[in-house]
Amino acid sequence: MNNLFIKNELQQKWLNCLYTLENKIKSKSAEIDELAVFPIENVHELVGIGYTSLTLPKKYGGEGLSVYDMVLLQETLASFDANTALSIGWSLGVVGELFEKKMWKQEKLNFLAKEVLNGALINRSVSEEQTGSPTRGGLPGTTAVKKDNTWVLNGRKIFTTASPVLTYFLTSAWIEEKQKIGFFLVHRDLSGVSIEETWDVVSMRGTSSNDLILEDVRLPDSDLVEIPDYSNGGNVNGWLLHIPATYLGVAQAARDYAVHFANTHAPNSLNGTISQLPNVQQLIGEIDLELSKARFVLYGAASSYDDVTTKNLISNEIGVAKHIVTNSAITVVDKAMRLVGAKSLQRTNPLQRYYRDVRAGLHNPPMDDMTIKKLALSALEKDKNKTG
């Protein structure tokens, strides 16, 4: 972490809290990846120190952290373990967005606040096999039907990150009678709710992003908590910056490993370490250049979102930040592996894990092609308005 981006005592306080867990979290990363197990102990540690209620506003008993604050902490946590950071990041982001935008009725927000303070975790469950990412506009196959003043949900969701520890699944479903998509607050202990362990991938292996199965799940009317308005293309959500923050943290970990390797690896063909070699220095310089670029873009976007004077001016900047940071992270890890050489491919070497993990960022929303398309359409529309 570059100290340039630490702005206040509250951020430093929580960074210090994270650093007390650094060795414990790092010590488990290889096993989490190798065995594809969810980092449940790490999550319990974070819940225990109050980390999971950081984005809950102060009036509800939380710390009221901003998007910038969240990004700063999540980048650091991800440098310890990416699976832990991404899993916990979704809950932080969902809580931050819900309370910032007051997306639910007040009574329901009060209820969720108490649950979060008691350690509850929440994530949106939106992706499905037939629709792919919901950002591409597909309608959910999951259905909600009203029967005797009760909603009955049926369907299957994929990519349900942190499925072993989520208390609530904020689940999208098609409501035929309303001809709209609704979001329902589904508790994991409800009858008909189950998890099918389908997560078998080569990157972010410990996030347990399994399938959520809903079979005749009955909910009261009050658990239909959102009916989004997609007519304007959706609102800008800065809380999604927890995603690129995670991959930036992975890139930082790769960079640190490579720099230490350069300072300590001394083949007998040299009189000293490889740090004296111009090509090694070139790679390190290029790595830090990528990290600086990514960091200024990420924290710039977060600052603009938090600032009331610029927030309404944001259009594509969140997607741009995610695109630049994720691709820079991939570049950083690649260069780190070039520096270290064939040793980076050993299964005991963390670089091969970082290499696989950063690739997952390409498939988190928003996807690169969607960001590029939106930029193009914005430019074309702006020109039309100027010349029309």
Protein backbone atom coordinates (compact mmCIF):
# COMPACT_ATOMS: atom_id res chain seq x y z
CA MET A 1 0.00 0.00 0.00
CA ASN A 2 1.27 3.45 -0.95
CA ASN A 3 0.95 5.74 2.09
CA LEU A 4 0.13 8.60 -0.29
CA PHE A 5 -3.46 7.32 -0.41
CA ILE A 6 -4.05 7.14 3.35
CA LYS A 7 -6.00 10.30 4.18
CA ASN A 8 -7.17 10.11 7.79
CA GLU A 9 -6.86 8.47 11.19
CA LEU A 10 -9.93 6.27 10.73
CA GLN A 11 -8.41 4.67 7.64
CA GLN A 12 -5.12 4.16 9.48
CA LYS A 13 -6.95 2.66 12.46
CA TRP A 14 -8.62 0.01 10.35
CA LEU A 15 -5.49 -0.65 8.31
CA ASN A 16 -3.71 -1.33 11.60
CA CYS A 17 -6.51 -3.73 12.56
CA LEU A 18 -6.04 -5.60 9.30
CA TYR A 19 -2.28 -5.78 9.77
CA THR A 20 -2.79 -7.59 13.07
CA LEU A 21 -4.38 -10.39 11.01
CA GLU A 22 -1.89 -10.27 8.13
CA ASN A 23 0.28 -13.24 9.03
CA LYS A 24 -2.67 -15.40 10.04
CA ILE A 25 -4.53 -14.71 6.78
CA LYS A 26 -1.47 -15.06 4.55
CA SER A 27 -0.52 -18.37 6.14
CA LYS A 28 -3.75 -19.95 4.89
CA SER A 29 -3.79 -18.61 1.33
CA ALA A 30 -1.93 -21.49 -0.32
CA GLU A 31 -4.12 -24.10 1.35
CA ILE A 32 -7.31 -22.23 0.48
CA ASP A 33 -6.27 -22.26 -3.17
CA GLU A 34 -4.87 -25.78 -3.26
CA LEU A 35 -7.90 -27.39 -1.61
CA ALA A 36 -10.47 -24.93 -2.96
CA VAL A 37 -11.87 -24.34 0.53
CA PHE A 38 -13.71 -21.26 1.68
CA PRO A 39 -11.71 -19.03 4.09
CA ILE A 40 -14.31 -19.32 6.82
CA GLU A 41 -11.86 -18.69 9.67
CA ASN A 42 -10.69 -15.46 8.02
CA VAL A 43 -14.27 -14.28 7.61
CA HIS A 44 -15.07 -15.05 11.24
CA GLU A 45 -12.01 -13.06 12.31
CA LEU A 46 -13.16 -10.08 10.24
CA VAL A 47 -16.71 -10.29 11.58
CA GLY A 48 -15.26 -10.44 15.08
CA ILE A 49 -13.40 -7.13 14.73
CA GLY A 50 -16.43 -5.39 13.22
CA TYR A 51 -14.98 -5.21 9.71
CA THR A 52 -18.17 -6.39 8.01
CA SER A 53 -20.22 -3.47 9.38
CA LEU A 54 -17.77 -0.77 8.26
CA THR A 55 -19.95 0.49 5.38
CA LEU A 56 -23.05 0.69 7.56
CA PRO A 57 -23.77 4.38 8.30
CA LYS A 58 -22.94 5.68 11.77
CA LYS A 59 -26.60 6.47 12.52
CA TYR A 60 -27.26 2.73 12.32
CA GLY A 61 -24.29 1.79 14.49
CA GLY A 62 -21.67 1.21 11.80
CA GLU A 63 -18.47 3.11 10.96
CA GLY A 64 -19.98 4.91 7.96
CA LEU A 65 -16.98 4.28 5.72
CA SER A 66 -16.99 5.82 2.25
CA VAL A 67 -16.25 4.08 -1.03
CA TYR A 68 -12.69 5.43 -0.86
CA ASP A 69 -12.24 4.02 2.64
CA MET A 70 -13.59 0.63 1.56
CA VAL A 71 -11.32 0.49 -1.48
CA LEU A 72 -8.26 1.31 0.63
CA LEU A 73 -8.97 -1.46 3.12
CA GLN A 74 -10.04 -4.02 0.53
CA GLU A 75 -6.86 -3.52 -1.48
CA THR A 76 -4.82 -4.24 1.64
CA LEU A 77 -6.91 -7.28 2.61
CA ALA A 78 -6.61 -8.68 -0.93
CA SER A 79 -2.82 -8.46 -0.73
CA PHE A 80 -3.15 -10.95 2.17
CA ASP A 81 -5.71 -13.23 0.50
CA ALA A 82 -7.79 -12.51 -2.59
CA ASN A 83 -10.54 -15.03 -1.82
CA THR A 84 -11.22 -13.48 1.57
CA ALA A 85 -11.25 -9.96 0.19
CA LEU A 86 -13.60 -10.61 -2.72
CA SER A 87 -15.98 -12.63 -0.56
CA ILE A 88 -16.23 -9.99 2.15
CA GLY A 89 -16.19 -7.16 -0.40
CA TRP A 90 -19.53 -8.13 -1.87
CA SER A 91 -21.26 -7.79 1.48
CA LEU A 92 -19.52 -4.48 2.21
CA GLY A 93 -20.55 -3.15 -1.19
CA VAL A 94 -24.17 -4.28 -0.99
CA VAL A 95 -24.61 -2.74 2.47
CA GLY A 96 -22.94 0.48 1.35
CA GLU A 97 -25.18 0.85 -1.70
CA LEU A 98 -28.44 -0.06 0.05
CA PHE A 99 -28.02 2.51 2.80
CA GLU A 100 -26.46 5.24 0.67
CA LYS A 101 -29.29 5.13 -1.86
CA LYS A 102 -31.98 4.22 0.69
CA MET A 103 -33.13 1.50 -1.66
CA TRP A 104 -35.53 -0.18 0.79
CA LYS A 105 -38.31 0.97 3.05
CA GLN A 106 -36.99 2.40 6.31
CA GLU A 107 -38.35 -0.44 8.41
CA LYS A 108 -36.46 -2.96 6.31
CA LEU A 109 -33.24 -0.93 6.41
CA ASN A 110 -33.50 -0.79 10.21
CA PHE A 111 -33.90 -4.55 10.27
CA LEU A 112 -30.90 -5.17 8.03
CA ALA A 113 -28.74 -2.78 10.04
CA LYS A 114 -29.35 -4.79 13.21
CA GLU A 115 -28.58 -8.00 11.35
CA VAL A 116 -25.30 -6.63 9.96
CA LEU A 117 -24.23 -5.43 13.40
CA ASN A 118 -24.86 -8.96 14.64
CA GLY A 119 -22.55 -10.37 11.97
CA ALA A 120 -24.94 -11.07 9.10
CA LEU A 121 -23.47 -11.14 5.58
CA ILE A 122 -25.39 -10.40 2.40
CA ASN A 123 -24.79 -10.66 -1.34
CA ARG A 124 -26.87 -10.23 -4.44
CA SER A 125 -27.76 -13.43 -6.28
CA VAL A 126 -28.44 -12.43 -9.86
CA SER A 127 -26.42 -14.47 -12.37
CA GLU A 128 -27.99 -17.47 -14.08
CA GLU A 129 -26.75 -20.08 -16.53
CA GLN A 130 -29.02 -18.95 -19.36
CA THR A 131 -28.63 -15.21 -18.91
CA GLY A 132 -24.98 -14.88 -17.88
CA SER A 133 -24.16 -11.58 -16.23
CA PRO A 134 -27.30 -9.49 -15.50
CA THR A 135 -25.41 -6.43 -16.77
CA ARG A 136 -26.07 -7.71 -20.30
CA GLY A 137 -29.80 -7.32 -19.90
CA GLY A 138 -31.13 -10.86 -19.75
CA LEU A 139 -34.29 -11.50 -17.75
CA PRO A 140 -33.97 -13.92 -14.82
CA GLY A 141 -35.38 -17.41 -15.20
CA THR A 142 -36.02 -17.40 -11.46
CA THR A 143 -39.70 -16.66 -10.90
CA ALA A 144 -41.76 -15.14 -8.10
CA VAL A 145 -45.47 -15.95 -8.03
CA LYS A 146 -47.98 -14.49 -5.56
CA LYS A 147 -50.09 -17.11 -3.77
CA ASP A 148 -52.32 -16.20 -0.83
CA ASN A 149 -50.37 -13.04 0.00
CA THR A 150 -47.13 -15.02 -0.10
CA TRP A 151 -44.41 -14.95 -2.73
CA VAL A 152 -43.22 -18.32 -3.98
CA LEU A 153 -39.75 -18.34 -5.55
CA ASN A 154 -38.32 -21.00 -7.84
CA GLY A 155 -35.03 -20.96 -9.71
CA ARG A 156 -31.28 -21.44 -9.70
CA LYS A 157 -28.58 -18.79 -9.37
CA ILE A 158 -24.92 -19.24 -10.23
CA PHE A 159 -21.79 -17.43 -8.98
CA THR A 160 -23.15 -16.95 -5.46
CA THR A 161 -19.87 -15.80 -3.90
CA ALA A 162 -19.34 -16.56 -0.19
CA SER A 163 -22.24 -19.02 -0.24
CA PRO A 164 -21.09 -20.90 2.92
CA VAL A 165 -21.39 -17.82 5.15
CA LEU A 166 -24.07 -15.62 3.62
CA THR A 167 -27.00 -14.98 5.92
CA TYR A 168 -29.08 -13.36 3.18
CA PHE A 169 -29.30 -13.78 -0.56
CA LEU A 170 -30.68 -10.66 -2.22
CA THR A 171 -32.22 -12.59 -5.08
CA SER A 172 -33.56 -11.30 -8.40
CA ALA A 173 -36.69 -12.90 -9.86
CA TRP A 174 -39.11 -12.24 -12.69
CA ILE A 175 -42.56 -11.20 -11.42
CA GLU A 176 -44.99 -12.08 -14.18
CA GLU A 177 -47.95 -10.20 -12.72
CA LYS A 178 -45.90 -6.99 -12.55
CA GLN A 179 -43.88 -7.65 -15.71
CA LYS A 180 -40.85 -6.51 -13.75
CA ILE A 181 -37.74 -7.82 -12.02
CA GLY A 182 -37.88 -7.77 -8.24
CA PHE A 183 -35.30 -8.41 -5.55
CA PHE A 184 -36.28 -10.58 -2.61
CA LEU A 185 -34.51 -10.88 0.75
CA VAL A 186 -34.01 -14.62 1.20
CA HIS A 187 -32.64 -16.01 4.47
CA ARG A 188 -30.42 -19.07 4.05
CA ASP A 189 -32.40 -21.10 6.62
CA LEU A 190 -35.73 -20.87 4.81
CA SER A 191 -37.35 -24.09 3.64
CA GLY A 192 -36.50 -24.76 -0.02
CA VAL A 193 -33.19 -22.86 0.06
CA SER A 194 -30.09 -24.93 -0.62
CA ILE A 195 -26.56 -24.61 -1.99
CA GLU A 196 -25.17 -26.93 -4.64
CA GLU A 197 -21.38 -27.00 -4.59
CA THR A 198 -20.60 -26.40 -8.26
CA TRP A 199 -17.60 -24.05 -7.92
CA ASP A 200 -14.68 -25.83 -9.62
CA VAL A 201 -12.43 -23.28 -11.30
CA VAL A 202 -8.73 -22.46 -11.58
CA SER A 203 -8.87 -18.92 -10.15
CA MET A 204 -10.35 -17.51 -6.94
CA ARG A 205 -10.88 -21.13 -5.97
CA GLY A 206 -11.81 -20.35 -2.39
CA THR A 207 -14.74 -18.00 -2.95
CA SER A 208 -17.24 -20.89 -3.02
CA SER A 209 -19.28 -19.10 -5.68
CA ASN A 210 -21.72 -21.98 -5.80
CA ASP A 211 -25.27 -22.36 -7.11
CA LEU A 212 -28.18 -21.15 -5.03
CA ILE A 213 -31.23 -23.40 -5.41
CA LEU A 214 -34.72 -22.06 -4.69
CA GLU A 215 -37.54 -24.62 -4.57
CA ASP A 216 -40.95 -23.27 -3.60
CA VAL A 217 -39.40 -20.79 -1.20
CA ARG A 218 -42.17 -18.85 0.52
CA LEU A 219 -41.71 -15.23 1.53
CA PRO A 220 -43.99 -12.57 2.99
CA ASP A 221 -44.81 -9.55 0.87
CA SER A 222 -42.42 -7.42 2.92
CA ASP A 223 -39.46 -9.45 1.62
CA LEU A 224 -39.97 -8.04 -1.87
CA VAL A 225 -37.55 -5.23 -1.07
CA GLU A 226 -36.66 -3.74 -4.47
CA ILE A 227 -38.21 -3.26 -7.89
CA PRO A 228 -35.40 -1.53 -9.82
CA ASP A 229 -36.03 0.98 -12.57
CA TYR A 230 -33.84 -0.05 -15.49
CA SER A 231 -35.29 2.51 -17.90
CA ASN A 232 -32.33 4.86 -17.44
CA GLY A 233 -29.75 2.11 -17.74
CA GLY A 234 -29.31 1.77 -13.99
CA ASN A 235 -27.74 4.07 -11.44
CA VAL A 236 -24.00 4.48 -11.06
CA ASN A 237 -22.77 2.29 -8.21
CA GLY A 238 -19.38 3.27 -6.83
CA TRP A 239 -19.49 0.46 -4.28
CA LEU A 240 -18.58 -1.95 -7.08
CA LEU A 241 -15.05 -0.55 -6.85
CA HIS A 242 -14.39 -3.21 -4.23
CA ILE A 243 -13.88 -5.53 -7.23
CA PRO A 244 -10.89 -3.79 -8.86
CA ALA A 245 -9.52 -3.05 -5.38
CA THR A 246 -9.24 -6.79 -4.83
CA TYR A 247 -7.24 -7.37 -8.00
CA LEU A 248 -5.03 -4.37 -7.28
CA GLY A 249 -4.21 -5.97 -3.94
CA VAL A 250 -3.23 -9.20 -5.69
CA ALA A 251 -1.00 -7.25 -8.07
CA GLN A 252 0.66 -5.50 -5.13
CA ALA A 253 1.41 -8.86 -3.52
CA ALA A 254 2.96 -10.07 -6.79
CA ARG A 255 5.04 -6.91 -7.04
CA ASP A 256 6.31 -7.25 -3.47
CA TYR A 257 7.33 -10.85 -4.08
CA ALA A 258 9.18 -9.95 -7.29
CA VAL A 259 11.05 -7.04 -5.72
CA HIS A 260 12.12 -9.15 -2.75
CA PHE A 261 13.21 -11.91 -5.12
CA ALA A 262 15.31 -9.44 -7.12
CA ASN A 263 16.99 -8.22 -3.93
CA THR A 264 17.78 -11.70 -2.61
CA HIS A 265 18.33 -14.02 -5.59
CA ALA A 266 22.05 -14.25 -6.30
CA PRO A 267 23.04 -16.81 -8.95
CA ASN A 268 26.74 -17.68 -9.04
CA SER A 269 26.99 -16.20 -12.51
CA LEU A 270 26.72 -12.76 -10.90
CA ASN A 271 28.69 -10.90 -8.28
CA GLY A 272 25.59 -10.06 -6.26
CA THR A 273 21.83 -10.25 -6.73
CA ILE A 274 19.84 -9.94 -9.94
CA SER A 275 18.64 -6.49 -8.81
CA GLN A 276 21.70 -5.02 -10.54
CA LEU A 277 20.58 -6.26 -13.97
CA PRO A 278 19.12 -3.62 -16.30
CA ASN A 279 16.37 -5.92 -17.55
CA VAL A 280 15.29 -6.68 -13.97
CA GLN A 281 15.24 -2.99 -13.09
CA GLN A 282 13.24 -2.34 -16.26
CA LEU A 283 10.60 -4.86 -15.21
CA ILE A 284 10.37 -3.46 -11.69
CA GLY A 285 10.00 0.06 -13.03
CA GLU A 286 7.28 -1.04 -15.45
CA ILE A 287 5.48 -2.87 -12.63
CA ASP A 288 5.44 0.18 -10.39
CA LEU A 289 4.35 2.35 -13.30
CA GLU A 290 1.34 0.09 -13.86
CA LEU A 291 0.48 0.11 -10.17
CA SER A 292 0.72 3.90 -9.98
CA LYS A 293 -1.54 4.30 -13.00
CA ALA A 294 -4.09 1.85 -11.64
CA ARG A 295 -4.05 3.34 -8.16
CA PHE A 296 -4.59 6.92 -9.27
CA VAL A 297 -7.48 5.86 -11.49
CA LEU A 298 -9.10 3.72 -8.79
CA TYR A 299 -8.79 6.23 -5.97
CA GLY A 300 -9.66 9.08 -8.28
CA ALA A 301 -12.92 7.37 -9.21
CA ALA A 302 -13.67 6.60 -5.57
CA SER A 303 -12.98 10.20 -4.51
CA SER A 304 -15.20 11.57 -7.27
CA TYR A 305 -18.02 9.25 -6.21
CA ASP A 306 -17.75 10.26 -2.55
CA ASP A 307 -17.62 13.99 -3.32
CA VAL A 308 -21.12 15.48 -3.56
CA THR A 309 -19.85 18.15 -5.98
CA THR A 310 -18.70 15.59 -8.57
CA LYS A 311 -20.85 12.53 -7.88
CA ASN A 312 -23.59 13.50 -10.32
CA LEU A 313 -21.03 14.06 -13.07
CA ILE A 314 -19.91 10.43 -13.02
CA SER A 315 -21.09 8.33 -15.93
CA ASN A 316 -18.56 5.73 -17.11
CA GLU A 317 -15.77 6.32 -14.60
CA ILE A 318 -16.57 3.32 -12.38
CA GLY A 319 -16.39 0.97 -15.36
CA VAL A 320 -13.24 2.68 -16.62
CA ALA A 321 -11.55 2.22 -13.24
CA LYS A 322 -12.46 -1.44 -13.15
CA HIS A 323 -11.18 -1.97 -16.71
CA ILE A 324 -7.86 -0.20 -16.18
CA VAL A 325 -7.13 -1.64 -12.74
CA THR A 326 -8.00 -5.22 -13.65
CA ASN A 327 -5.94 -5.21 -16.82
CA SER A 328 -3.05 -3.47 -15.08
CA ALA A 329 -3.16 -6.15 -12.39
CA ILE A 330 -2.83 -8.84 -15.03
CA THR A 331 0.12 -6.99 -16.57
CA VAL A 332 1.83 -6.58 -13.19
CA VAL A 333 1.60 -10.26 -12.33
CA ASP A 334 2.84 -11.23 -15.79
CA LYS A 335 5.89 -8.98 -15.45
CA ALA A 336 6.56 -10.29 -11.95
CA MET A 337 6.59 -13.83 -13.32
CA ARG A 338 8.95 -12.81 -16.14
CA LEU A 339 11.30 -11.36 -13.55
CA VAL A 340 11.25 -14.45 -11.32
CA GLY A 341 11.43 -16.88 -14.22
CA ALA A 342 10.52 -20.57 -14.20
CA LYS A 343 10.38 -20.63 -10.39
CA SER A 344 7.14 -18.63 -10.68
CA LEU A 345 5.45 -21.68 -12.18
CA GLN A 346 6.16 -23.94 -9.23
CA ARG A 347 2.96 -24.83 -7.40
CA THR A 348 4.59 -23.78 -4.14
CA ASN A 349 5.23 -20.30 -5.55
CA PRO A 350 2.50 -17.72 -4.84
CA LEU A 351 2.99 -16.02 -8.22
CA GLN A 352 1.23 -18.82 -10.08
CA ARG A 353 -1.74 -18.34 -7.74
CA TYR A 354 -1.73 -14.58 -8.26
CA TYR A 355 -1.58 -15.17 -12.03
CA ARG A 356 -4.69 -17.33 -11.95
CA ASP A 357 -6.57 -15.12 -9.50
CA VAL A 358 -6.19 -11.83 -11.38
CA ARG A 359 -7.66 -13.42 -14.51
CA ALA A 360 -10.98 -13.73 -12.68
CA GLY A 361 -11.29 -9.96 -12.65
CA LEU A 362 -12.02 -9.97 -16.38
CA HIS A 363 -15.25 -11.81 -15.68
CA ASN A 364 -16.51 -9.64 -12.82
CA PRO A 365 -18.88 -6.82 -13.78
CA PRO A 366 -18.67 -4.64 -15.71
CA MET A 367 -16.94 -6.60 -18.46
CA ASP A 368 -14.36 -4.85 -20.63
CA ASP A 369 -16.41 -4.89 -23.82
CA MET A 370 -19.40 -3.30 -22.06
CA THR A 371 -17.22 -0.51 -20.70
CA ILE A 372 -15.70 0.17 -24.11
CA LYS A 373 -19.12 0.15 -25.78
CA LYS A 374 -20.56 2.61 -23.23
CA LEU A 375 -17.62 4.95 -23.74
CA ALA A 376 -18.15 4.88 -27.49
CA LEU A 377 -21.90 5.48 -27.24
CA SER A 378 -21.34 8.35 -24.78
CA ALA A 379 -18.86 9.99 -27.15
CA LEU A 380 -21.19 9.63 -30.13
CA GLU A 381 -24.19 10.94 -28.20
CA LYS A 382 -22.24 13.92 -26.88
CA ASP A 383 -21.17 14.84 -30.39
CA LYS A 384 -24.76 14.58 -31.65
CA ASN A 385 -25.99 16.87 -28.91
CA LYS A 386 -23.23 19.36 -29.64
CA THR A 387 -23.84 19.50 -33.40
CA GLY A 388 -27.55 18.75 -33.50
